[in-house]
């Protein structure tokens, strides 16, 4: 047997192994096929269609407005909701300060917003402006619109429009005082006079005065104010004023007149 015949015989007895390249390609295509089938199943399975949408934090904005702005609706596939984009859309609305959008498996979306609710109103050259807690103008009216928030007097806004911020130190301090009050408490205060920064006075619907004085020790004065407004709602005895300028709030002693 010559040398060439011997080499041919050896190749027949020991064939070359199958190329590993093809094995790798088969594995890749198999994995991609599995991913595609899984993705299709997720997209078309009805279990992932939105059935529950919870909206939290709204009192000023209707929940249906929040859903419309976020682009979320029932029956939508939950993985089609771009949560980051929904948050961006919500924060573009001047009425919304902060927002978060989260998926809740298997078929829900949870939306939480922090509103820029109006806490005070101020006169301007063409009417009135509603201000949020940071001094941003939320709305503008020729005739005063909301009677459930205090009117800031002794100051006037000029050249301000929706989306602008009223950068007046006394106004910002007044808003810091008013913003912790809830809707009911704000509704009890008719006016807050800022003409004299040392002697700021608020007046209530009961004609009682809250003599705030300088806008300092704000947290302490807010807590006393909240307690005082609660007393005004429950007591039958008229209270003419409360003075917060002292280190300890002063309320004049009142005598209860016995019914005849």
C-alpha atoms as a PDB file:
ATOM      1  CA  UNK A   1       0.000   0.000   0.000  1.00  0.00           C
ATOM      2  CA  UNK A   2       1.521   3.273  -1.043  1.00  0.00           C
ATOM      3  CA  UNK A   3       1.603   6.434   1.087  1.00  0.00           C
ATOM      4  CA  UNK A   4      -1.430   8.116  -0.539  1.00  0.00           C
ATOM      5  CA  UNK A   5      -3.631   5.068   0.059  1.00  0.00           C
ATOM      6  CA  UNK A   6      -2.524   4.981   3.682  1.00  0.00           C
ATOM      7  CA  UNK A   7      -3.532   8.671   4.229  1.00  0.00           C
ATOM      8  CA  UNK A   8      -6.958   8.120   2.613  1.00  0.00           C
ATOM      9  CA  UNK A   9      -7.600   5.127   4.815  1.00  0.00           C
ATOM     10  CA  UNK A  10      -6.687   7.118   7.948  1.00  0.00           C
ATOM     11  CA  UNK A  11      -9.135   9.902   7.021  1.00  0.00           C
ATOM     12  CA  UNK A  12     -11.959   7.398   6.579  1.00  0.00           C
ATOM     13  CA  UNK A  13     -11.294   5.876   9.976  1.00  0.00           C
ATOM     14  CA  UNK A  14     -10.996   9.298  11.727  1.00  0.00           C
ATOM     15  CA  UNK A  15     -13.374  11.776  10.033  1.00  0.00           C
ATOM     16  CA  UNK A  16     -12.965  15.513  10.871  1.00  0.00           C
ATOM     17  CA  UNK A  17     -15.257  16.783  13.684  1.00  0.00           C
ATOM     18  CA  UNK A  18     -18.252  18.957  12.627  1.00  0.00           C
ATOM     19  CA  UNK A  19     -17.401  22.614  12.586  1.00  0.00           C
ATOM     20  CA  UNK A  20     -18.185  24.351  15.917  1.00  0.00           C
ATOM     21  CA  UNK A  21     -19.255  27.458  13.974  1.00  0.00           C
ATOM     22  CA  UNK A  22     -22.461  25.802  12.813  1.00  0.00           C
ATOM     23  CA  UNK A  23     -23.252  24.541  16.299  1.00  0.00           C
ATOM     24  CA  UNK A  24     -22.917  28.105  17.651  1.00  0.00           C
ATOM     25  CA  UNK A  25     -25.204  29.471  14.935  1.00  0.00           C
ATOM     26  CA  UNK A  26     -27.862  26.840  15.673  1.00  0.00           C
ATOM     27  CA  UNK A  27     -27.751  27.794  19.374  1.00  0.00           C
ATOM     28  CA  UNK A  28     -28.106  31.499  18.617  1.00  0.00           C
ATOM     29  CA  UNK A  29     -31.051  30.981  16.267  1.00  0.00           C
ATOM     30  CA  UNK A  30     -32.678  28.666  18.804  1.00  0.00           C
ATOM     31  CA  UNK A  31     -32.331  31.261  21.570  1.00  0.00           C
ATOM     32  CA  UNK A  32     -33.685  34.058  19.362  1.00  0.00           C
ATOM     33  CA  UNK A  33     -36.634  31.902  18.402  1.00  0.00           C
ATOM     34  CA  UNK A  34     -37.389  31.208  22.061  1.00  0.00           C
ATOM     35  CA  UNK A  35     -37.211  34.937  22.876  1.00  0.00           C
ATOM     36  CA  UNK A  36     -39.514  35.800  19.963  1.00  0.00           C
ATOM     37  CA  UNK A  37     -42.091  33.202  20.993  1.00  0.00           C
ATOM     38  CA  UNK A  38     -41.962  34.391  24.617  1.00  0.00           C
ATOM     39  CA  UNK A  39     -42.316  38.054  23.611  1.00  0.00           C
ATOM     40  CA  UNK A  40     -45.275  37.268  21.366  1.00  0.00           C
ATOM     41  CA  UNK A  41     -46.929  35.352  24.187  1.00  0.00           C
ATOM     42  CA  UNK A  42     -46.431  38.282  26.584  1.00  0.00           C
ATOM     43  CA  UNK A  43     -47.801  40.793  24.069  1.00  0.00           C
ATOM     44  CA  UNK A  44     -50.923  38.846  23.196  1.00  0.00           C
ATOM     45  CA  UNK A  45     -51.764  37.250  26.531  1.00  0.00           C
ATOM     46  CA  UNK A  46     -54.868  39.024  27.918  1.00  0.00           C
ATOM     47  CA  UNK A  47     -53.561  38.747  31.473  1.00  0.00           C
ATOM     48  CA  UNK A  48     -51.263  41.740  30.815  1.00  0.00           C
ATOM     49  CA  UNK A  49     -54.028  44.060  29.570  1.00  0.00           C
ATOM     50  CA  UNK A  50     -54.570  46.958  31.986  1.00  0.00           C
ATOM     51  CA  UNK A  51     -57.548  46.371  34.244  1.00  0.00           C
ATOM     52  CA  UNK A  52     -56.694  48.504  37.266  1.00  0.00           C
ATOM     53  CA  UNK A  53     -55.330  52.063  37.144  1.00  0.00           C
ATOM     54  CA  UNK A  54     -54.889  53.782  40.513  1.00  0.00           C
ATOM     55  CA  UNK A  55     -54.370  57.546  40.725  1.00  0.00           C
ATOM     56  CA  UNK A  56     -53.273  59.041  44.044  1.00  0.00           C
ATOM     57  CA  UNK A  57     -52.642  62.601  45.179  1.00  0.00           C
ATOM     58  CA  UNK A  58     -55.312  64.481  43.219  1.00  0.00           C
ATOM     59  CA  UNK A  59     -57.699  66.945  44.795  1.00  0.00           C
ATOM     60  CA  UNK A  60     -57.443  69.858  42.378  1.00  0.00           C
ATOM     61  CA  UNK A  61     -56.969  67.934  39.107  1.00  0.00           C
ATOM     62  CA  UNK A  62     -59.624  65.421  37.927  1.00  0.00           C
ATOM     63  CA  UNK A  63     -58.149  61.866  37.796  1.00  0.00           C
ATOM     64  CA  UNK A  64     -59.357  61.490  34.194  1.00  0.00           C
ATOM     65  CA  UNK A  65     -57.142  64.475  33.261  1.00  0.00           C
ATOM     66  CA  UNK A  66     -54.152  62.710  34.833  1.00  0.00           C
ATOM     67  CA  UNK A  67     -54.788  59.566  32.753  1.00  0.00           C
ATOM     68  CA  UNK A  68     -55.240  61.578  29.568  1.00  0.00           C
ATOM     69  CA  UNK A  69     -52.014  63.517  30.105  1.00  0.00           C
ATOM     70  CA  UNK A  70     -50.069  60.354  30.975  1.00  0.00           C
ATOM     71  CA  UNK A  71     -51.489  58.512  27.942  1.00  0.00           C
ATOM     72  CA  UNK A  72     -52.741  55.566  30.009  1.00  0.00           C
ATOM     73  CA  UNK A  73     -56.084  53.824  29.527  1.00  0.00           C
ATOM     74  CA  UNK A  74     -57.776  50.546  30.431  1.00  0.00           C
ATOM     75  CA  UNK A  75     -57.328  47.742  27.932  1.00  0.00           C
ATOM     76  CA  UNK A  76     -53.874  49.004  26.983  1.00  0.00           C
ATOM     77  CA  UNK A  77     -51.053  46.471  27.235  1.00  0.00           C
ATOM     78  CA  UNK A  78     -49.077  47.301  30.366  1.00  0.00           C
ATOM     79  CA  UNK A  79     -45.730  46.917  28.580  1.00  0.00           C
ATOM     80  CA  UNK A  80     -46.803  49.493  26.006  1.00  0.00           C
ATOM     81  CA  UNK A  81     -46.932  52.106  28.778  1.00  0.00           C
ATOM     82  CA  UNK A  82     -43.663  54.046  28.671  1.00  0.00           C
ATOM     83  CA  UNK A  83     -43.472  55.012  32.328  1.00  0.00           C
ATOM     84  CA  UNK A  84     -40.635  57.539  31.912  1.00  0.00           C
ATOM     85  CA  UNK A  85     -42.438  59.291  29.072  1.00  0.00           C
ATOM     86  CA  UNK A  86     -45.696  59.305  31.064  1.00  0.00           C
ATOM     87  CA  UNK A  87     -43.894  61.026  33.961  1.00  0.00           C
ATOM     88  CA  UNK A  88     -42.412  63.629  31.603  1.00  0.00           C
ATOM     89  CA  UNK A  89     -45.847  64.348  30.132  1.00  0.00           C
ATOM     90  CA  UNK A  90     -47.380  64.773  33.578  1.00  0.00           C
ATOM     91  CA  UNK A  91     -44.665  67.154  34.756  1.00  0.00           C
ATOM     92  CA  UNK A  92     -45.215  69.361  31.705  1.00  0.00           C
ATOM     93  CA  UNK A  93     -48.641  70.234  33.118  1.00  0.00           C
ATOM     94  CA  UNK A  94     -48.355  73.356  35.284  1.00  0.00           C
ATOM     95  CA  UNK A  95     -50.796  71.906  37.791  1.00  0.00           C
ATOM     96  CA  UNK A  96     -48.433  69.010  38.618  1.00  0.00           C
ATOM     97  CA  UNK A  97     -45.216  69.442  40.600  1.00  0.00           C
ATOM     98  CA  UNK A  98     -44.022  65.816  40.899  1.00  0.00           C
ATOM     99  CA  UNK A  99     -45.233  62.511  39.422  1.00  0.00           C
ATOM    100  CA  UNK A 100     -44.392  58.811  39.393  1.00  0.00           C
ATOM    101  CA  UNK A 101     -45.798  56.004  37.220  1.00  0.00           C
ATOM    102  CA  UNK A 102     -45.236  52.334  38.128  1.00  0.00           C
ATOM    103  CA  UNK A 103     -46.439  48.984  36.800  1.00  0.00           C
ATOM    104  CA  UNK A 104     -48.214  46.703  39.274  1.00  0.00           C
ATOM    105  CA  UNK A 105     -48.247  43.118  38.053  1.00  0.00           C
ATOM    106  CA  UNK A 106     -49.979  41.422  36.487  1.00  0.00           C
ATOM    107  CA  UNK A 107     -52.342  44.050  35.013  1.00  0.00           C
ATOM    108  CA  UNK A 108     -52.186  47.387  36.805  1.00  0.00           C
ATOM    109  CA  UNK A 109     -50.643  50.855  36.746  1.00  0.00           C
ATOM    110  CA  UNK A 110     -50.132  53.092  39.780  1.00  0.00           C
ATOM    111  CA  UNK A 111     -49.843  56.862  39.241  1.00  0.00           C
ATOM    112  CA  UNK A 112     -49.005  59.252  42.066  1.00  0.00           C
ATOM    113  CA  UNK A 113     -48.869  63.012  41.626  1.00  0.00           C
ATOM    114  CA  UNK A 114     -48.085  65.984  43.812  1.00  0.00           C
ATOM    115  CA  UNK A 115     -50.258  68.857  42.731  1.00  0.00           C
ATOM    116  CA  UNK A 116     -49.376  72.495  42.497  1.00  0.00           C
ATOM    117  CA  UNK A 117     -52.560  73.413  44.288  1.00  0.00           C
ATOM    118  CA  UNK A 118     -53.471  77.091  44.688  1.00  0.00           C
ATOM    119  CA  UNK A 119     -52.940  78.300  48.249  1.00  0.00           C
ATOM    120  CA  UNK A 120     -53.443  82.053  47.793  1.00  0.00           C
ATOM    121  CA  UNK A 121     -54.680  84.680  45.379  1.00  0.00           C
ATOM    122  CA  UNK A 122     -53.124  88.062  44.620  1.00  0.00           C
ATOM    123  CA  UNK A 123     -54.335  91.086  42.670  1.00  0.00           C
ATOM    124  CA  UNK A 124     -52.581  92.046  39.439  1.00  0.00           C
ATOM    125  CA  UNK A 125     -52.978  94.816  36.869  1.00  0.00           C
ATOM    126  CA  UNK A 126     -55.624  92.908  34.887  1.00  0.00           C
ATOM    127  CA  UNK A 127     -57.387  90.911  37.631  1.00  0.00           C
ATOM    128  CA  UNK A 128     -56.251  88.133  39.948  1.00  0.00           C
ATOM    129  CA  UNK A 129     -53.642  85.364  39.991  1.00  0.00           C
ATOM    130  CA  UNK A 130     -53.757  82.003  41.784  1.00  0.00           C
ATOM    131  CA  UNK A 131     -50.394  81.082  43.354  1.00  0.00           C
ATOM    132  CA  UNK A 132     -49.083  77.693  44.437  1.00  0.00           C
ATOM    133  CA  UNK A 133     -46.886  77.092  47.501  1.00  0.00           C
ATOM    134  CA  UNK A 134     -43.750  78.149  45.605  1.00  0.00           C
ATOM    135  CA  UNK A 135     -45.250  81.314  44.147  1.00  0.00           C
ATOM    136  CA  UNK A 136     -45.910  79.940  40.663  1.00  0.00           C
ATOM    137  CA  UNK A 137     -48.886  81.446  38.838  1.00  0.00           C
ATOM    138  CA  UNK A 138     -51.354  78.628  38.123  1.00  0.00           C
ATOM    139  CA  UNK A 139     -54.274  80.629  36.744  1.00  0.00           C
ATOM    140  CA  UNK A 140     -55.203  84.197  35.872  1.00  0.00           C
ATOM    141  CA  UNK A 141     -58.703  85.737  36.027  1.00  0.00           C
ATOM    142  CA  UNK A 142     -60.314  89.113  35.453  1.00  0.00           C
ATOM    143  CA  UNK A 143     -62.783  88.359  38.244  1.00  0.00           C
ATOM    144  CA  UNK A 144     -61.641  86.496  41.336  1.00  0.00           C
ATOM    145  CA  UNK A 145     -62.332  82.827  40.710  1.00  0.00           C
ATOM    146  CA  UNK A 146     -61.589  80.790  43.853  1.00  0.00           C
ATOM    147  CA  UNK A 147     -63.131  82.110  47.065  1.00  0.00           C
ATOM    148  CA  UNK A 148     -61.745  79.144  49.047  1.00  0.00           C
ATOM    149  CA  UNK A 149     -58.189  80.495  49.261  1.00  0.00           C
ATOM    150  CA  UNK A 150     -56.977  83.667  51.003  1.00  0.00           C
ATOM    151  CA  UNK A 151     -56.472  86.927  49.134  1.00  0.00           C
ATOM    152  CA  UNK A 152     -53.029  88.436  49.789  1.00  0.00           C
ATOM    153  CA  UNK A 153     -53.440  92.195  50.240  1.00  0.00           C
ATOM    154  CA  UNK A 154     -50.840  94.923  50.654  1.00  0.00           C
ATOM    155  CA  UNK A 155     -48.954  93.631  47.592  1.00  0.00           C
ATOM    156  CA  UNK A 156     -49.677  93.647  43.880  1.00  0.00           C
ATOM    157  CA  UNK A 157     -48.260  91.495  41.107  1.00  0.00           C
ATOM    158  CA  UNK A 158     -47.124  93.105  37.858  1.00  0.00           C
ATOM    159  CA  UNK A 159     -46.068  91.622  34.526  1.00  0.00           C
ATOM    160  CA  UNK A 160     -46.744  88.057  35.671  1.00  0.00           C
ATOM    161  CA  UNK A 161     -48.396  85.369  33.570  1.00  0.00           C
ATOM    162  CA  UNK A 162     -49.265  81.689  33.927  1.00  0.00           C
ATOM    163  CA  UNK A 163     -46.095  79.729  34.633  1.00  0.00           C
ATOM    164  CA  UNK A 164     -44.196  82.720  36.047  1.00  0.00           C
ATOM    165  CA  UNK A 165     -43.117  82.901  39.694  1.00  0.00           C
ATOM    166  CA  UNK A 166     -43.934  85.803  42.019  1.00  0.00           C
ATOM    167  CA  UNK A 167     -40.491  86.431  43.502  1.00  0.00           C
ATOM    168  CA  UNK A 168     -41.483  88.663  46.406  1.00  0.00           C
ATOM    169  CA  UNK A 169     -39.934  87.710  49.757  1.00  0.00           C
ATOM    170  CA  UNK A 170     -43.027  88.565  51.826  1.00  0.00           C
ATOM    171  CA  UNK A 171     -45.294  86.655  49.443  1.00  0.00           C
ATOM    172  CA  UNK A 172     -43.041  83.566  49.515  1.00  0.00           C
ATOM    173  CA  UNK A 173     -43.012  83.614  53.339  1.00  0.00           C
ATOM    174  CA  UNK A 174     -46.790  84.018  53.393  1.00  0.00           C
ATOM    175  CA  UNK A 175     -47.139  81.014  51.080  1.00  0.00           C
ATOM    176  CA  UNK A 176     -44.877  78.979  53.375  1.00  0.00           C
ATOM    177  CA  UNK A 177     -47.256  79.828  56.208  1.00  0.00           C
ATOM    178  CA  UNK A 178     -50.394  78.974  54.216  1.00  0.00           C
ATOM    179  CA  UNK A 179     -49.300  75.852  52.326  1.00  0.00           C
ATOM    180  CA  UNK A 180     -49.383  73.412  55.295  1.00  0.00           C
ATOM    181  CA  UNK A 181     -53.067  74.251  55.858  1.00  0.00           C
ATOM    182  CA  UNK A 182     -55.554  71.814  54.356  1.00  0.00           C
ATOM    183  CA  UNK A 183     -58.416  72.758  52.072  1.00  0.00           C
ATOM    184  CA  UNK A 184     -60.886  73.331  54.915  1.00  0.00           C
ATOM    185  CA  UNK A 185     -58.449  75.467  56.892  1.00  0.00           C
ATOM    186  CA  UNK A 186     -57.516  77.591  53.878  1.00  0.00           C
ATOM    187  CA  UNK A 187     -61.211  78.143  53.217  1.00  0.00           C
ATOM    188  CA  UNK A 188     -61.577  79.722  56.662  1.00  0.00           C
ATOM    189  CA  UNK A 189     -59.047  82.492  55.901  1.00  0.00           C
ATOM    190  CA  UNK A 190     -60.465  85.294  53.790  1.00  0.00           C
ATOM    191  CA  UNK A 191     -57.523  87.702  53.660  1.00  0.00           C
ATOM    192  CA  UNK A 192     -53.892  87.989  54.680  1.00  0.00           C
ATOM    193  CA  UNK A 193     -52.544  91.539  54.828  1.00  0.00           C
ATOM    194  CA  UNK A 194     -48.819  91.875  54.065  1.00  0.00           C
ATOM    195  CA  UNK A 195     -48.625  95.687  53.958  1.00  0.00           C
ATOM    196  CA  UNK A 196     -46.493  95.838  57.133  1.00  0.00           C
ATOM    197  CA  UNK A 197     -43.961  92.966  57.309  1.00  0.00           C
ATOM    198  CA  UNK A 198     -43.766  93.363  61.101  1.00  0.00           C
ATOM    199  CA  UNK A 199     -47.530  93.169  61.618  1.00  0.00           C
ATOM    200  CA  UNK A 200     -48.987  90.611  59.203  1.00  0.00           C
ATOM    201  CA  UNK A 201     -52.648  89.937  59.947  1.00  0.00           C
ATOM    202  CA  UNK A 202     -55.018  87.286  58.588  1.00  0.00           C
ATOM    203  CA  UNK A 203     -58.807  87.521  58.859  1.00  0.00           C
ATOM    204  CA  UNK A 204     -61.205  84.599  58.964  1.00  0.00           C
ATOM    205  CA  UNK A 205     -64.766  84.086  57.769  1.00  0.00           C
ATOM    206  CA  UNK A 206     -65.796  84.432  61.444  1.00  0.00           C
ATOM    207  CA  UNK A 207     -64.286  87.974  61.451  1.00  0.00           C
ATOM    208  CA  UNK A 208     -61.585  86.754  63.846  1.00  0.00           C
ATOM    209  CA  UNK A 209     -58.055  88.094  63.415  1.00  0.00           C
ATOM    210  CA  UNK A 210     -54.905  85.993  63.388  1.00  0.00           C
ATOM    211  CA  UNK A 211     -52.187  88.458  64.402  1.00  0.00           C
ATOM    212  CA  UNK A 212     -49.195  86.709  62.903  1.00  0.00           C
ATOM    213  CA  UNK A 213     -46.711  89.538  63.263  1.00  0.00           C
ATOM    214  CA  UNK A 214     -43.413  89.002  61.423  1.00  0.00           C
ATOM    215  CA  UNK A 215     -43.315  85.909  59.230  1.00  0.00           C
ATOM    216  CA  UNK A 216     -40.831  84.026  61.375  1.00  0.00           C
ATOM    217  CA  UNK A 217     -41.130  80.877  63.551  1.00  0.00           C
ATOM    218  CA  UNK A 218     -43.438  79.792  60.749  1.00  0.00           C
ATOM    219  CA  UNK A 219     -43.747  76.095  61.674  1.00  0.00           C
ATOM    220  CA  UNK A 220     -44.690  76.964  65.249  1.00  0.00           C
ATOM    221  CA  UNK A 221     -47.237  79.569  64.131  1.00  0.00           C
ATOM    222  CA  UNK A 222     -48.768  77.172  61.589  1.00  0.00           C
ATOM    223  CA  UNK A 223     -49.462  74.557  64.274  1.00  0.00           C
ATOM    224  CA  UNK A 224     -51.116  77.145  66.536  1.00  0.00           C
ATOM    225  CA  UNK A 225     -53.133  78.485  63.594  1.00  0.00           C
ATOM    226  CA  UNK A 226     -54.407  75.014  62.706  1.00  0.00           C
ATOM    227  CA  UNK A 227     -55.528  74.468  66.304  1.00  0.00           C
ATOM    228  CA  UNK A 228     -57.174  77.916  66.418  1.00  0.00           C
ATOM    229  CA  UNK A 229     -59.080  77.351  63.156  1.00  0.00           C
ATOM    230  CA  UNK A 230     -60.290  74.018  64.503  1.00  0.00           C
ATOM    231  CA  UNK A 231     -61.589  75.764  67.621  1.00  0.00           C
ATOM    232  CA  UNK A 232     -63.398  78.351  65.490  1.00  0.00           C
ATOM    233  CA  UNK A 233     -65.322  75.573  63.747  1.00  0.00           C
ATOM    234  CA  UNK A 234     -66.499  73.978  66.978  1.00  0.00           C
ATOM    235  CA  UNK A 235     -66.961  76.763  69.526  1.00  0.00           C
ATOM    236  CA  UNK A 236     -70.133  78.788  69.859  1.00  0.00           C
ATOM    237  CA  UNK A 237     -68.297  81.568  71.697  1.00  0.00           C
ATOM    238  CA  UNK A 238     -66.985  84.343  69.404  1.00  0.00           C
ATOM    239  CA  UNK A 239     -63.209  84.772  69.527  1.00  0.00           C
ATOM    240  CA  UNK A 240     -62.100  88.218  68.293  1.00  0.00           C
ATOM    241  CA  UNK A 241     -58.427  87.409  67.723  1.00  0.00           C
ATOM    242  CA  UNK A 242     -55.378  85.302  68.468  1.00  0.00           C
ATOM    243  CA  UNK A 243     -51.967  86.935  68.821  1.00  0.00           C
ATOM    244  CA  UNK A 244     -48.989  84.884  67.621  1.00  0.00           C
ATOM    245  CA  UNK A 245     -46.416  87.615  68.178  1.00  0.00           C
ATOM    246  CA  UNK A 246     -45.809  86.442  71.734  1.00  0.00           C
ATOM    247  CA  UNK A 247     -43.590  83.487  72.534  1.00  0.00           C
ATOM    248  CA  UNK A 248     -46.820  81.818  73.672  1.00  0.00           C
ATOM    249  CA  UNK A 249     -49.988  82.487  71.667  1.00  0.00           C
ATOM    250  CA  UNK A 250     -52.411  84.870  73.356  1.00  0.00           C
ATOM    251  CA  UNK A 251     -56.187  84.441  73.063  1.00  0.00           C
ATOM    252  CA  UNK A 252     -58.395  86.966  74.897  1.00  0.00           C
ATOM    253  CA  UNK A 253     -60.607  85.503  77.607  1.00  0.00           C
ATOM    254  CA  UNK A 254     -64.249  85.362  76.539  1.00  0.00           C
ATOM    255  CA  UNK A 255     -67.288  85.135  78.759  1.00  0.00           C
ATOM    256  CA  UNK A 256     -70.078  82.820  77.721  1.00  0.00           C
ATOM    257  CA  UNK A 257     -73.457  84.530  77.951  1.00  0.00           C
ATOM    258  CA  UNK A 258     -76.074  82.242  79.449  1.00  0.00           C
ATOM    259  CA  UNK A 259     -79.213  81.921  77.357  1.00  0.00           C
ATOM    260  CA  UNK A 260     -82.270  83.626  78.825  1.00  0.00           C
END
